[in-house]
Amino acid sequence: MSSFEDRKKSFEKKFAHDQELQFKVSARRNKYLGEWVSQLLNFNPDQQKEYIQSVIKADFAEAGDQDVFRKIKEDLKEKNVSDEDLRKKMDKLNEKAKTDFN
């Protein structure tokens, strides 16, 4: 019975670690997205800081990336960024964020 409990605890620790890592990767990706959008919108450094925080906070609205996507899509409506281009950028920055933690 002890080996079963040990195995169970090991899986629980791995799950918790994976969840924490995913949270960190998402937050880093959102930071990169905020920086990218800030550049497109010609924000000054103070505006950029505020905007990055707003993108990170937007991710807490619901599970998944749709909340961040909607926020950025709305903020870039004047820049004519397509949904496809925005999704590609999000994927690219997600991969960049993953490499930051490897």
PDB file of N, CA and C in Angstrom:
ATOM      1  N   MET A   1       0.817  -1.194   0.000  1.00  0.00           N
ATOM      2  CA  MET A   1       0.000   0.000   0.000  1.00  0.00           C
ATOM      3  C   MET A   1       0.867   1.267   0.000  1.00  0.00           C
ATOM      4  N   SER A   2       2.005   1.205   0.625  1.00  0.00           N
ATOM      5  CA  SER A   2       2.890   2.357   0.704  1.00  0.00           C
ATOM      6  C   SER A   2       3.367   2.804  -0.681  1.00  0.00           C
ATOM      7  N   SER A   3       3.694   1.860  -1.542  1.00  0.00           N
ATOM      8  CA  SER A   3       4.182   2.236  -2.877  1.00  0.00           C
ATOM      9  C   SER A   3       3.065   2.909  -3.692  1.00  0.00           C
ATOM     10  N   PHE A   4       1.831   2.476  -3.484  1.00  0.00           N
ATOM     11  CA  PHE A   4       0.707   3.113  -4.164  1.00  0.00           C
ATOM     12  C   PHE A   4       0.552   4.563  -3.700  1.00  0.00           C
ATOM     13  N   GLU A   5       0.646   4.798  -2.404  1.00  0.00           N
ATOM     14  CA  GLU A   5       0.547   6.156  -1.855  1.00  0.00           C
ATOM     15  C   GLU A   5       1.703   7.019  -2.337  1.00  0.00           C
ATOM     16  N   ASP A   6       2.895   6.446  -2.384  1.00  0.00           N
ATOM     17  CA  ASP A   6       4.059   7.184  -2.884  1.00  0.00           C
ATOM     18  C   ASP A   6       3.862   7.591  -4.335  1.00  0.00           C
ATOM     19  N   ARG A   7       3.350   6.665  -5.109  1.00  0.00           N
ATOM     20  CA  ARG A   7       3.098   6.936  -6.527  1.00  0.00           C
ATOM     21  C   ARG A   7       2.026   8.020  -6.686  1.00  0.00           C
ATOM     22  N   LYS A   8       0.987   7.923  -5.887  1.00  0.00           N
ATOM     23  CA  LYS A   8      -0.087   8.914  -5.922  1.00  0.00           C
ATOM     24  C   LYS A   8       0.448  10.302  -5.575  1.00  0.00           C
ATOM     25  N   LYS A   9       1.254  10.403  -4.538  1.00  0.00           N
ATOM     26  CA  LYS A   9       1.835  11.686  -4.135  1.00  0.00           C
ATOM     27  C   LYS A   9       2.755  12.234  -5.224  1.00  0.00           C
ATOM     28  N   SER A  10       3.474  11.334  -5.872  1.00  0.00           N
ATOM     29  CA  SER A  10       4.360  11.751  -6.954  1.00  0.00           C
ATOM     30  C   SER A  10       3.569  12.360  -8.112  1.00  0.00           C
ATOM     31  N   PHE A  11       2.468  11.709  -8.485  1.00  0.00           N
ATOM     32  CA  PHE A  11       1.615  12.240  -9.545  1.00  0.00           C
ATOM     33  C   PHE A  11       1.019  13.584  -9.149  1.00  0.00           C
ATOM     34  N   GLU A  12       0.606  13.708  -7.896  1.00  0.00           N
ATOM     35  CA  GLU A  12       0.028  14.967  -7.427  1.00  0.00           C
ATOM     36  C   GLU A  12       1.057  16.092  -7.472  1.00  0.00           C
ATOM     37  N   LYS A  13       2.295  15.788  -7.081  1.00  0.00           N
ATOM     38  CA  LYS A  13       3.358  16.796  -7.133  1.00  0.00           C
ATOM     39  C   LYS A  13       3.652  17.207  -8.570  1.00  0.00           C
ATOM     40  N   LYS A  14       3.689  16.225  -9.471  1.00  0.00           N
ATOM     41  CA  LYS A  14       3.948  16.535 -10.879  1.00  0.00           C
ATOM     42  C   LYS A  14       2.822  17.395 -11.446  1.00  0.00           C
ATOM     43  N   PHE A  15       1.586  17.055 -11.130  1.00  0.00           N
ATOM     44  CA  PHE A  15       0.453  17.828 -11.602  1.00  0.00           C
ATOM     45  C   PHE A  15       0.546  19.271 -11.102  1.00  0.00           C
ATOM     46  N   ALA A  16       0.823  19.444  -9.817  1.00  0.00           N
ATOM     47  CA  ALA A  16       0.939  20.791  -9.246  1.00  0.00           C
ATOM     48  C   ALA A  16       2.076  21.563  -9.910  1.00  0.00           C
ATOM     49  N   HIS A  17       3.190  20.896 -10.138  1.00  0.00           N
ATOM     50  CA  HIS A  17       4.332  21.541 -10.798  1.00  0.00           C
ATOM     51  C   HIS A  17       3.971  21.960 -12.216  1.00  0.00           C
ATOM     52  N   ASP A  18       3.302  21.062 -12.960  1.00  0.00           N
ATOM     53  CA  ASP A  18       2.901  21.364 -14.337  1.00  0.00           C
ATOM     54  C   ASP A  18       1.926  22.542 -14.392  1.00  0.00           C
ATOM     55  N   GLN A  19       0.992  22.593 -13.445  1.00  0.00           N
ATOM     56  CA  GLN A  19       0.027  23.689 -13.392  1.00  0.00           C
ATOM     57  C   GLN A  19       0.732  25.017 -13.099  1.00  0.00           C
ATOM     58  N   GLU A  20       1.657  24.995 -12.164  1.00  0.00           N
ATOM     59  CA  GLU A  20       2.413  26.209 -11.823  1.00  0.00           C
ATOM     60  C   GLU A  20       3.238  26.685 -13.022  1.00  0.00           C
ATOM     61  N   LEU A  21       3.861  25.745 -13.706  1.00  0.00           N
ATOM     62  CA  LEU A  21       4.662  26.095 -14.880  1.00  0.00           C
ATOM     63  C   LEU A  21       3.778  26.689 -15.970  1.00  0.00           C
ATOM     64  N   GLN A  22       2.615  26.096 -16.200  1.00  0.00           N
ATOM     65  CA  GLN A  22       1.704  26.618 -17.218  1.00  0.00           C
ATOM     66  C   GLN A  22       1.252  28.041 -16.870  1.00  0.00           C
ATOM     67  N   PHE A  23       1.001  28.283 -15.593  1.00  0.00           N
ATOM     68  CA  PHE A  23       0.617  29.625 -15.152  1.00  0.00           C
ATOM     69  C   PHE A  23       1.738  30.629 -15.442  1.00  0.00           C
ATOM     70  N   LYS A  24       2.959  30.249 -15.130  1.00  0.00           N
ATOM     71  CA  LYS A  24       4.098  31.132 -15.371  1.00  0.00           C
ATOM     72  C   LYS A  24       4.294  31.398 -16.865  1.00  0.00           C
ATOM     73  N   VAL A  25       4.151  30.356 -17.677  1.00  0.00           N
ATOM     74  CA  VAL A  25       4.303  30.508 -19.127  1.00  0.00           C
ATOM     75  C   VAL A  25       3.223  31.446 -19.666  1.00  0.00           C
ATOM     76  N   SER A  26       1.981  31.264 -19.215  1.00  0.00           N
ATOM     77  CA  SER A  26       0.885  32.130 -19.676  1.00  0.00           C
ATOM     78  C   SER A  26       1.124  33.581 -19.277  1.00  0.00           C
ATOM     79  N   ALA A  27       1.550  33.790 -18.049  1.00  0.00           N
ATOM     80  CA  ALA A  27       1.816  35.158 -17.586  1.00  0.00           C
ATOM     81  C   ALA A  27       2.942  35.793 -18.394  1.00  0.00           C
ATOM     82  N   ARG A  28       3.978  35.028 -18.687  1.00  0.00           N
ATOM     83  CA  ARG A  28       5.102  35.553 -19.478  1.00  0.00           C
ATOM     84  C   ARG A  28       4.643  35.855 -20.903  1.00  0.00           C
ATOM     85  N   ARG A  29       3.852  34.946 -21.486  1.00  0.00           N
ATOM     86  CA  ARG A  29       3.319  35.190 -22.830  1.00  0.00           C
ATOM     87  C   ARG A  29       2.488  36.466 -22.853  1.00  0.00           C
ATOM     88  N   ASN A  30       1.675  36.657 -21.833  1.00  0.00           N
ATOM     89  CA  ASN A  30       0.839  37.849 -21.767  1.00  0.00           C
ATOM     90  C   ASN A  30       1.682  39.113 -21.630  1.00  0.00           C
ATOM     91  N   LYS A  31       2.782  39.000 -20.916  1.00  0.00           N
ATOM     92  CA  LYS A  31       3.710  40.137 -20.816  1.00  0.00           C
ATOM     93  C   LYS A  31       4.264  40.466 -22.205  1.00  0.00           C
ATOM     94  N   TYR A  32       4.694  39.450 -22.921  1.00  0.00           N
ATOM     95  CA  TYR A  32       5.219  39.670 -24.266  1.00  0.00           C
ATOM     96  C   TYR A  32       4.149  40.252 -25.194  1.00  0.00           C
ATOM     97  N   LEU A  33       2.923  39.740 -25.073  1.00  0.00           N
ATOM     98  CA  LEU A  33       1.821  40.285 -25.877  1.00  0.00           C
ATOM     99  C   LEU A  33       1.598  41.759 -25.553  1.00  0.00           C
ATOM    100  N   GLY A  34       1.619  42.087 -24.269  1.00  0.00           N
ATOM    101  CA  GLY A  34       1.440  43.473 -23.848  1.00  0.00           C
ATOM    102  C   GLY A  34       2.523  44.384 -24.407  1.00  0.00           C
ATOM    103  N   GLU A  35       3.759  43.889 -24.416  1.00  0.00           N
ATOM    104  CA  GLU A  35       4.868  44.668 -24.981  1.00  0.00           C
ATOM    105  C   GLU A  35       4.660  44.883 -26.475  1.00  0.00           C
ATOM    106  N   TRP A  36       4.263  43.832 -27.173  1.00  0.00           N
ATOM    107  CA  TRP A  36       4.052  43.900 -28.622  1.00  0.00           C
ATOM    108  C   TRP A  36       2.946  44.896 -28.966  1.00  0.00           C
ATOM    109  N   VAL A  37       1.809  44.771 -28.292  1.00  0.00           N
ATOM    110  CA  VAL A  37       0.681  45.671 -28.567  1.00  0.00           C
ATOM    111  C   VAL A  37       1.057  47.107 -28.202  1.00  0.00           C
ATOM    112  N   SER A  38       1.765  47.287 -27.109  1.00  0.00           N
ATOM    113  CA  SER A  38       2.196  48.627 -26.695  1.00  0.00           C
ATOM    114  C   SER A  38       3.040  49.295 -27.767  1.00  0.00           C
ATOM    115  N   GLN A  39       3.892  48.510 -28.409  1.00  0.00           N
ATOM    116  CA  GLN A  39       4.715  49.056 -29.489  1.00  0.00           C
ATOM    117  C   GLN A  39       3.841  49.445 -30.680  1.00  0.00           C
ATOM    118  N   LEU A  40       2.877  48.580 -31.016  1.00  0.00           N
ATOM    119  CA  LEU A  40       1.984  48.893 -32.138  1.00  0.00           C
ATOM    120  C   LEU A  40       1.168  50.156 -31.880  1.00  0.00           C
ATOM    121  N   LEU A  41       0.820  50.383 -30.607  1.00  0.00           N
ATOM    122  CA  LEU A  41      -0.001  51.538 -30.252  1.00  0.00           C
ATOM    123  C   LEU A  41       0.830  52.756 -29.834  1.00  0.00           C
ATOM    124  N   ASN A  42       2.153  52.633 -29.962  1.00  0.00           N
ATOM    125  CA  ASN A  42       3.078  53.727 -29.646  1.00  0.00           C
ATOM    126  C   ASN A  42       2.909  54.261 -28.223  1.00  0.00           C
ATOM    127  N   PHE A  43       2.803  53.360 -27.265  1.00  0.00           N
ATOM    128  CA  PHE A  43       2.673  53.766 -25.870  1.00  0.00           C
ATOM    129  C   PHE A  43       4.021  54.202 -25.318  1.00  0.00           C
ATOM    130  N   ASN A  44       3.976  55.158 -24.396  1.00  0.00           N
ATOM    131  CA  ASN A  44       5.193  55.537 -23.684  1.00  0.00           C
ATOM    132  C   ASN A  44       5.459  54.479 -22.608  1.00  0.00           C
ATOM    133  N   PRO A  45       6.628  54.519 -21.950  1.00  0.00           N
ATOM    134  CA  PRO A  45       6.963  53.474 -20.966  1.00  0.00           C
ATOM    135  C   PRO A  45       5.933  53.308 -19.843  1.00  0.00           C
ATOM    136  N   ASP A  46       5.371  54.391 -19.349  1.00  0.00           N
ATOM    137  CA  ASP A  46       4.364  54.267 -18.291  1.00  0.00           C
ATOM    138  C   ASP A  46       3.090  53.614 -18.813  1.00  0.00           C
ATOM    139  N   GLN A  47       2.667  54.019 -19.998  1.00  0.00           N
ATOM    140  CA  GLN A  47       1.479  53.410 -20.608  1.00  0.00           C
ATOM    141  C   GLN A  47       1.726  51.929 -20.883  1.00  0.00           C
ATOM    142  N   GLN A  48       2.944  51.623 -21.313  1.00  0.00           N
ATOM    143  CA  GLN A  48       3.291  50.236 -21.604  1.00  0.00           C
ATOM    144  C   GLN A  48       3.177  49.381 -20.340  1.00  0.00           C
ATOM    145  N   LYS A  49       3.709  49.863 -19.229  1.00  0.00           N
ATOM    146  CA  LYS A  49       3.619  49.123 -17.959  1.00  0.00           C
ATOM    147  C   LYS A  49       2.170  48.858 -17.584  1.00  0.00           C
ATOM    148  N   GLU A  50       1.357  49.877 -17.663  1.00  0.00           N
ATOM    149  CA  GLU A  50      -0.065  49.732 -17.332  1.00  0.00           C
ATOM    150  C   GLU A  50      -0.749  48.755 -18.275  1.00  0.00           C
ATOM    151  N   TYR A  51      -0.428  48.849 -19.541  1.00  0.00           N
ATOM    152  CA  TYR A  51      -1.066  47.982 -20.524  1.00  0.00           C
ATOM    153  C   TYR A  51      -0.678  46.519 -20.303  1.00  0.00           C
ATOM    154  N   ILE A  52       0.585  46.271 -20.046  1.00  0.00           N
ATOM    155  CA  ILE A  52       1.035  44.898 -19.786  1.00  0.00           C
ATOM    156  C   ILE A  52       0.264  44.314 -18.605  1.00  0.00           C
ATOM    157  N   GLN A  53       0.117  45.098 -17.553  1.00  0.00           N
ATOM    158  CA  GLN A  53      -0.644  44.625 -16.385  1.00  0.00           C
ATOM    159  C   GLN A  53      -2.098  44.339 -16.753  1.00  0.00           C
ATOM    160  N   SER A  54      -2.669  45.170 -17.612  1.00  0.00           N
ATOM    161  CA  SER A  54      -4.070  44.953 -17.996  1.00  0.00           C
ATOM    162  C   SER A  54      -4.226  43.670 -18.810  1.00  0.00           C
ATOM    163  N   VAL A  55      -3.233  43.334 -19.620  1.00  0.00           N
ATOM    164  CA  VAL A  55      -3.289  42.085 -20.395  1.00  0.00           C
ATOM    165  C   VAL A  55      -3.158  40.886 -19.450  1.00  0.00           C
ATOM    166  N   ILE A  56      -2.247  40.979 -18.510  1.00  0.00           N
ATOM    167  CA  ILE A  56      -2.073  39.891 -17.544  1.00  0.00           C
ATOM    168  C   ILE A  56      -3.352  39.698 -16.728  1.00  0.00           C
ATOM    169  N   LYS A  57      -3.958  40.787 -16.298  1.00  0.00           N
ATOM    170  CA  LYS A  57      -5.197  40.702 -15.510  1.00  0.00           C
ATOM    171  C   LYS A  57      -6.357  40.178 -16.349  1.00  0.00           C
ATOM    172  N   ALA A  58      -6.368  40.487 -17.632  1.00  0.00           N
ATOM    173  CA  ALA A  58      -7.448  40.021 -18.511  1.00  0.00           C
ATOM    174  C   ALA A  58      -7.497  38.500 -18.560  1.00  0.00           C
ATOM    175  N   ASP A  59      -6.364  37.854 -18.350  1.00  0.00           N
ATOM    176  CA  ASP A  59      -6.300  36.399 -18.421  1.00  0.00           C
ATOM    177  C   ASP A  59      -7.052  35.731 -17.271  1.00  0.00           C
ATOM    178  N   PHE A  60      -7.395  36.481 -16.242  1.00  0.00           N
ATOM    179  CA  PHE A  60      -8.112  35.907 -15.099  1.00  0.00           C
ATOM    180  C   PHE A  60      -9.631  35.944 -15.280  1.00  0.00           C
ATOM    181  N   ALA A  61     -10.101  36.487 -16.376  1.00  0.00           N
ATOM    182  CA  ALA A  61     -11.545  36.614 -16.594  1.00  0.00           C
ATOM    183  C   ALA A  61     -12.213  35.254 -16.789  1.00  0.00           C
ATOM    184  N   GLU A  62     -11.541  34.360 -17.492  1.00  0.00           N
ATOM    185  CA  GLU A  62     -12.090  33.024 -17.735  1.00  0.00           C
ATOM    186  C   GLU A  62     -10.953  32.066 -18.056  1.00  0.00           C
ATOM    187  N   ALA A  63     -11.252  30.786 -18.017  1.00  0.00           N
ATOM    188  CA  ALA A  63     -10.241  29.786 -18.343  1.00  0.00           C
ATOM    189  C   ALA A  63      -9.894  29.867 -19.827  1.00  0.00           C
ATOM    190  N   GLY A  64      -8.651  29.577 -20.145  1.00  0.00           N
ATOM    191  CA  GLY A  64      -8.225  29.590 -21.535  1.00  0.00           C
ATOM    192  C   GLY A  64      -7.710  30.951 -21.968  1.00  0.00           C
ATOM    193  N   ASP A  65      -7.445  31.056 -23.265  1.00  0.00           N
ATOM    194  CA  ASP A  65      -6.832  32.259 -23.831  1.00  0.00           C
ATOM    195  C   ASP A  65      -7.828  33.207 -24.470  1.00  0.00           C
ATOM    196  N   GLN A  66      -9.082  32.827 -24.542  1.00  0.00           N
ATOM    197  CA  GLN A  66     -10.068  33.620 -25.268  1.00  0.00           C
ATOM    198  C   GLN A  66     -10.229  35.020 -24.676  1.00  0.00           C
ATOM    199  N   ASP A  67     -10.126  35.146 -23.355  1.00  0.00           N
ATOM    200  CA  ASP A  67     -10.270  36.456 -22.722  1.00  0.00           C
ATOM    201  C   ASP A  67      -9.151  37.405 -23.142  1.00  0.00           C
ATOM    202  N   VAL A  68      -7.945  36.896 -23.205  1.00  0.00           N
ATOM    203  CA  VAL A  68      -6.800  37.714 -23.636  1.00  0.00           C
ATOM    204  C   VAL A  68      -6.942  38.059 -25.118  1.00  0.00           C
ATOM    205  N   PHE A  69      -7.328  37.068 -25.904  1.00  0.00           N
ATOM    206  CA  PHE A  69      -7.524  37.291 -27.335  1.00  0.00           C
ATOM    207  C   PHE A  69      -8.536  38.412 -27.578  1.00  0.00           C
ATOM    208  N   ARG A  70      -9.676  38.354 -26.884  1.00  0.00           N
ATOM    209  CA  ARG A  70     -10.723  39.372 -27.074  1.00  0.00           C
ATOM    210  C   ARG A  70     -10.215  40.762 -26.697  1.00  0.00           C
ATOM    211  N   LYS A  71      -9.492  40.847 -25.586  1.00  0.00           N
ATOM    212  CA  LYS A  71      -8.977  42.151 -25.144  1.00  0.00           C
ATOM    213  C   LYS A  71      -8.043  42.742 -26.198  1.00  0.00           C
ATOM    214  N   ILE A  72      -7.087  41.950 -26.632  1.00  0.00           N
ATOM    215  CA  ILE A  72      -6.109  42.453 -27.588  1.00  0.00           C
ATOM    216  C   ILE A  72      -6.767  42.752 -28.935  1.00  0.00           C
ATOM    217  N   LYS A  73      -7.680  41.890 -29.348  1.00  0.00           N
ATOM    218  CA  LYS A  73      -8.403  42.125 -30.604  1.00  0.00           C
ATOM    219  C   LYS A  73      -9.123  43.471 -30.556  1.00  0.00           C
ATOM    220  N   GLU A  74      -9.787  43.745 -29.445  1.00  0.00           N
ATOM    221  CA  GLU A  74     -10.498  45.023 -29.278  1.00  0.00           C
ATOM    222  C   GLU A  74      -9.516  46.194 -29.279  1.00  0.00           C
ATOM    223  N   ASP A  75      -8.393  46.038 -28.587  1.00  0.00           N
ATOM    224  CA  ASP A  75      -7.411  47.120 -28.500  1.00  0.00           C
ATOM    225  C   ASP A  75      -6.731  47.399 -29.840  1.00  0.00           C
ATOM    226  N   LEU A  76      -6.671  46.388 -30.696  1.00  0.00           N
ATOM    227  CA  LEU A  76      -6.010  46.544 -32.000  1.00  0.00           C
ATOM    228  C   LEU A  76      -6.989  46.724 -33.161  1.00  0.00           C
ATOM    229  N   LYS A  77      -8.248  46.988 -32.860  1.00  0.00           N
ATOM    230  CA  LYS A  77      -9.237  47.067 -33.946  1.00  0.00           C
ATOM    231  C   LYS A  77      -8.882  48.148 -34.966  1.00  0.00           C
ATOM    232  N   GLU A  78      -8.229  49.205 -34.556  1.00  0.00           N
ATOM    233  CA  GLU A  78      -7.835  50.276 -35.483  1.00  0.00           C
ATOM    234  C   GLU A  78      -6.603  49.908 -36.308  1.00  0.00           C
ATOM    235  N   LYS A  79      -5.898  48.870 -35.899  1.00  0.00           N
ATOM    236  CA  LYS A  79      -4.657  48.462 -36.586  1.00  0.00           C
ATOM    237  C   LYS A  79      -4.885  47.363 -37.617  1.00  0.00           C
ATOM    238  N   ASN A  80      -6.124  46.904 -37.756  1.00  0.00           N
ATOM    239  CA  ASN A  80      -6.475  45.890 -38.747  1.00  0.00           C
ATOM    240  C   ASN A  80      -5.624  44.612 -38.653  1.00  0.00           C
ATOM    241  N   VAL A  81      -5.431  44.127 -37.447  1.00  0.00           N
ATOM    242  CA  VAL A  81      -4.737  42.861 -37.234  1.00  0.00           C
ATOM    243  C   VAL A  81      -5.787  41.757 -37.329  1.00  0.00           C
ATOM    244  N   SER A  82      -5.567  40.800 -38.223  1.00  0.00           N
ATOM    245  CA  SER A  82      -6.553  39.729 -38.412  1.00  0.00           C
ATOM    246  C   SER A  82      -6.535  38.764 -37.234  1.00  0.00           C
ATOM    247  N   ASP A  83      -7.631  38.037 -37.070  1.00  0.00           N
ATOM    248  CA  ASP A  83      -7.704  37.020 -36.015  1.00  0.00           C
ATOM    249  C   ASP A  83      -6.590  35.998 -36.183  1.00  0.00           C
ATOM    250  N   GLU A  84      -6.361  35.593 -37.417  1.00  0.00           N
ATOM    251  CA  GLU A  84      -5.330  34.596 -37.700  1.00  0.00           C
ATOM    252  C   GLU A  84      -3.947  35.108 -37.310  1.00  0.00           C
ATOM    253  N   ASP A  85      -3.640  36.350 -37.680  1.00  0.00           N
ATOM    254  CA  ASP A  85      -2.335  36.919 -37.327  1.00  0.00           C
ATOM    255  C   ASP A  85      -2.179  37.045 -35.812  1.00  0.00           C
ATOM    256  N   LEU A  86      -3.241  37.433 -35.142  1.00  0.00           N
ATOM    257  CA  LEU A  86      -3.187  37.563 -33.688  1.00  0.00           C
ATOM    258  C   LEU A  86      -2.978  36.202 -33.037  1.00  0.00           C
ATOM    259  N   ARG A  87      -3.679  35.192 -33.502  1.00  0.00           N
ATOM    260  CA  ARG A  87      -3.504  33.834 -32.943  1.00  0.00           C
ATOM    261  C   ARG A  87      -2.086  33.328 -33.194  1.00  0.00           C
ATOM    262  N   LYS A  88      -1.564  33.580 -34.385  1.00  0.00           N
ATOM    263  CA  LYS A  88      -0.188  33.168 -34.691  1.00  0.00           C
ATOM    264  C   LYS A  88       0.801  33.860 -33.754  1.00  0.00           C
ATOM    265  N   LYS A  89       0.589  35.150 -33.521  1.00  0.00           N
ATOM    266  CA  LYS A  89       1.477  35.896 -32.631  1.00  0.00           C
ATOM    267  C   LYS A  89       1.386  35.344 -31.211  1.00  0.00           C
ATOM    268  N   MET A  90       0.172  35.035 -30.766  1.00  0.00           N
ATOM    269  CA  MET A  90      -0.008  34.466 -29.428  1.00  0.00           C
ATOM    270  C   MET A  90       0.719  33.123 -29.323  1.00  0.00           C
ATOM    271  N   ASP A  91       0.606  32.289 -30.350  1.00  0.00           N
ATOM    272  CA  ASP A  91       1.287  30.992 -30.339  1.00  0.00           C
ATOM    273  C   ASP A  91       2.807  31.165 -30.324  1.00  0.00           C
ATOM    274  N   LYS A  92       3.284  32.084 -31.153  1.00  0.00           N
ATOM    275  CA  LYS A  92       4.722  32.332 -31.231  1.00  0.00           C
ATOM    276  C   LYS A  92       5.263  32.827 -29.887  1.00  0.00           C
ATOM    277  N   LEU A  93       4.554  33.752 -29.262  1.00  0.00           N
ATOM    278  CA  LEU A  93       5.005  34.276 -27.976  1.00  0.00           C
ATOM    279  C   LEU A  93       4.841  33.254 -26.859  1.00  0.00           C
ATOM    280  N   ASN A  94       3.882  32.351 -27.003  1.00  0.00           N
ATOM    281  CA  ASN A  94       3.738  31.269 -26.026  1.00  0.00           C
ATOM    282  C   ASN A  94       4.955  30.351 -26.094  1.00  0.00           C
ATOM    283  N   GLU A  95       5.400  30.045 -27.301  1.00  0.00           N
ATOM    284  CA  GLU A  95       6.593  29.211 -27.468  1.00  0.00           C
ATOM    285  C   GLU A  95       7.828  29.917 -26.905  1.00  0.00           C
ATOM    286  N   LYS A  96       7.922  31.207 -27.144  1.00  0.00           N
ATOM    287  CA  LYS A  96       9.047  31.985 -26.588  1.00  0.00           C
ATOM    288  C   LYS A  96       9.013  31.923 -25.064  1.00  0.00           C
ATOM    289  N   ALA A  97       7.824  32.076 -24.480  1.00  0.00           N
ATOM    290  CA  ALA A  97       7.694  32.024 -23.024  1.00  0.00           C
ATOM    291  C   ALA A  97       8.079  30.655 -22.484  1.00  0.00           C
ATOM    292  N   LYS A  98       7.715  29.590 -23.194  1.00  0.00           N
ATOM    293  CA  LYS A  98       8.084  28.234 -22.756  1.00  0.00           C
ATOM    294  C   LYS A  98       9.596  28.085 -22.686  1.00  0.00           C
ATOM    295  N   THR A  99      10.290  28.628 -23.691  1.00  0.00           N
ATOM    296  CA  THR A  99      11.749  28.493 -23.698  1.00  0.00           C
ATOM    297  C   THR A  99      12.390  29.256 -22.550  1.00  0.00           C
ATOM    298  N   ASP A 100      11.710  30.285 -22.054  1.00  0.00           N
ATOM    299  CA  ASP A 100      12.248  31.022 -20.915  1.00  0.00           C
ATOM    300  C   ASP A 100      12.324  30.171 -19.655  1.00  0.00           C
ATOM    301  N   PHE A 101      11.501  29.123 -19.588  1.00  0.00           N
ATOM    302  CA  PHE A 101      11.453  28.293 -18.386  1.00  0.00           C
ATOM    303  C   PHE A 101      12.108  26.934 -18.571  1.00  0.00           C
ATOM    304  N   ASN A 102      12.777  26.730 -19.694  1.00  0.00           N
ATOM    305  CA  ASN A 102      13.491  25.454 -19.921  1.00  0.00           C
ATOM    306  C   ASN A 102      14.945  25.577 -19.601  1.00  0.00           C
TER     307      ASN A 102
END
